[in-house]
C-alpha atoms as a PDB file:
ATOM      1  CA  MET A   1       9.615  20.311 -20.001  1.00  0.00           C
ATOM      2  CA  GLU A   2       9.298  22.577 -16.543  1.00  0.00           C
ATOM      3  CA  GLU A   3       5.400  21.920 -16.753  1.00  0.00           C
ATOM      4  CA  MET A   4       5.470  18.163 -16.834  1.00  0.00           C
ATOM      5  CA  LEU A   5       8.109  17.587 -14.258  1.00  0.00           C
ATOM      6  CA  LEU A   6       6.330  20.420 -12.017  1.00  0.00           C
ATOM      7  CA  HIS A   7       2.966  17.981 -12.539  1.00  0.00           C
ATOM      8  CA  LYS A   8       5.119  14.516 -11.976  1.00  0.00           C
ATOM      9  CA  LEU A   9       6.619  16.148  -8.816  1.00  0.00           C
ATOM     10  CA  LEU A  10       2.866  17.094  -7.575  1.00  0.00           C
ATOM     11  CA  THR A  11       1.792  13.375  -8.703  1.00  0.00           C
ATOM     12  CA  LEU A  12       4.364  12.050  -6.542  1.00  0.00           C
ATOM     13  CA  GLU A  13       3.592  13.977  -3.317  1.00  0.00           C
ATOM     14  CA  VAL A  14      -0.183  13.313  -3.680  1.00  0.00           C
ATOM     15  CA  ILE A  15       0.991   9.534  -3.618  1.00  0.00           C
ATOM     16  CA  VAL A  16       3.115  10.036  -0.540  1.00  0.00           C
ATOM     17  CA  GLU A  17       1.306  12.281   1.363  1.00  0.00           C
ATOM     18  CA  THR A  18      -1.843   9.403   0.568  1.00  0.00           C
ATOM     19  CA  ILE A  19       0.326   6.671   1.475  1.00  0.00           C
ATOM     20  CA  MET A  20       1.502   8.242   4.813  1.00  0.00           C
ATOM     21  CA  ASP A  21      -1.965   9.046   6.242  1.00  0.00           C
ATOM     22  CA  LYS A  22      -3.049   5.359   5.423  1.00  0.00           C
ATOM     23  CA  LEU A  23       0.067   4.475   7.594  1.00  0.00           C
ATOM     24  CA  ILE A  24      -0.810   6.572  10.150  1.00  0.00           C
ATOM     25  CA  GLU A  25      -4.512   6.124  10.097  1.00  0.00           C
ATOM     26  CA  ALA A  26      -3.846   2.137  10.683  1.00  0.00           C
ATOM     27  CA  GLY A  27      -1.652   2.494  13.036  1.00  0.00           C
ATOM     28  CA  ILE A  28       1.141   0.830  11.388  1.00  0.00           C
ATOM     29  CA  VAL A  29       3.671   4.118  11.946  1.00  0.00           C
ATOM     30  CA  ASP A  30       4.085   6.502  14.451  1.00  0.00           C
ATOM     31  CA  GLN A  31       3.568   9.725  13.080  1.00  0.00           C
ATOM     32  CA  ASP A  32       5.957  11.707  15.221  1.00  0.00           C
ATOM     33  CA  THR A  33       8.742   8.726  14.703  1.00  0.00           C
ATOM     34  CA  LEU A  34       7.981   9.168  10.443  1.00  0.00           C
ATOM     35  CA  ASP A  35       8.585  13.176  10.930  1.00  0.00           C
ATOM     36  CA  GLU A  36      11.916  12.527  12.331  1.00  0.00           C
ATOM     37  CA  SER A  37      12.820  10.334   9.757  1.00  0.00           C
ATOM     38  CA  ILE A  38      11.658  12.052   6.906  1.00  0.00           C
ATOM     39  CA  ILE A  39      13.437  15.172   8.572  1.00  0.00           C
ATOM     40  CA  GLU A  40      16.815  13.146   9.256  1.00  0.00           C
ATOM     41  CA  LYS A  41      17.033  11.830   5.512  1.00  0.00           C
ATOM     42  CA  ILE A  42      16.145  15.852   4.002  1.00  0.00           C
ATOM     43  CA  LYS A  43      19.245  16.927   5.996  1.00  0.00           C
ATOM     44  CA  GLN A  44      21.373  13.593   4.973  1.00  0.00           C
ATOM     45  CA  LEU A  45      20.334  14.676   1.481  1.00  0.00           C
ATOM     46  CA  GLU A  46      21.068  18.428   1.548  1.00  0.00           C
ATOM     47  CA  LYS A  47      24.550  17.548   3.108  1.00  0.00           C
ATOM     48  CA  VAL A  48      25.040  15.179   0.199  1.00  0.00           C
ATOM     49  CA  THR A  49      24.416  17.781  -2.318  1.00  0.00           C
ATOM     50  CA  GLN A  50      26.036  20.562  -0.491  1.00  0.00           C
ATOM     51  CA  SER A  51      29.702  18.841  -0.137  1.00  0.00           C
ATOM     52  CA  SER A  52      29.762  17.080  -2.615  1.00  0.00           C
ATOM     53  CA  ASN A  53      31.679  18.934  -6.608  1.00  0.00           C
ATOM     54  CA  ASP A  54      31.072  15.123  -8.061  1.00  0.00           C
ATOM     55  CA  GLU A  55      28.641  13.332  -8.686  1.00  0.00           C
ATOM     56  CA  PRO A  56      26.499  12.506  -5.389  1.00  0.00           C
ATOM     57  CA  ASP A  57      26.257   9.245  -3.810  1.00  0.00           C
ATOM     58  CA  TYR A  58      23.212   8.769  -2.631  1.00  0.00           C
ATOM     59  CA  SER A  59      22.673   5.110  -2.310  1.00  0.00           C
ATOM     60  CA  HIS A  60      23.172   5.118   1.170  1.00  0.00           C
ATOM     61  CA  LEU A  61      20.186   7.212   1.780  1.00  0.00           C
ATOM     62  CA  PHE A  62      18.032   4.685   0.020  1.00  0.00           C
ATOM     63  CA  MET A  63      19.108   1.495   1.015  1.00  0.00           C
ATOM     64  CA  GLY A  64      18.483   0.988   4.619  1.00  0.00           C
ATOM     65  CA  PRO A  65      16.824  -1.833   6.544  1.00  0.00           C
ATOM     66  CA  MET A  66      13.333  -3.067   5.047  1.00  0.00           C
ATOM     67  CA  GLY A  67      10.703  -1.223   6.653  1.00  0.00           C
ATOM     68  CA  GLU A  68      12.757   1.747   7.695  1.00  0.00           C
ATOM     69  CA  CYS A  69      11.073   4.787   6.857  1.00  0.00           C
END
């Protein structure tokens, strides 16, 4: 089971990295802005997972405006 999850996570990482690279190369997104946005989302995710004893609510992390990175 762990091996399957690891494989899925690695596959997802490759897909996300490829999409990010293509968007940056095409000039659609700015790398610095994208990096800052990702770092901010990770910090929010850490706060949610650390501060909640109940089931964490992740909806506010992924329900932003269309096109938000």
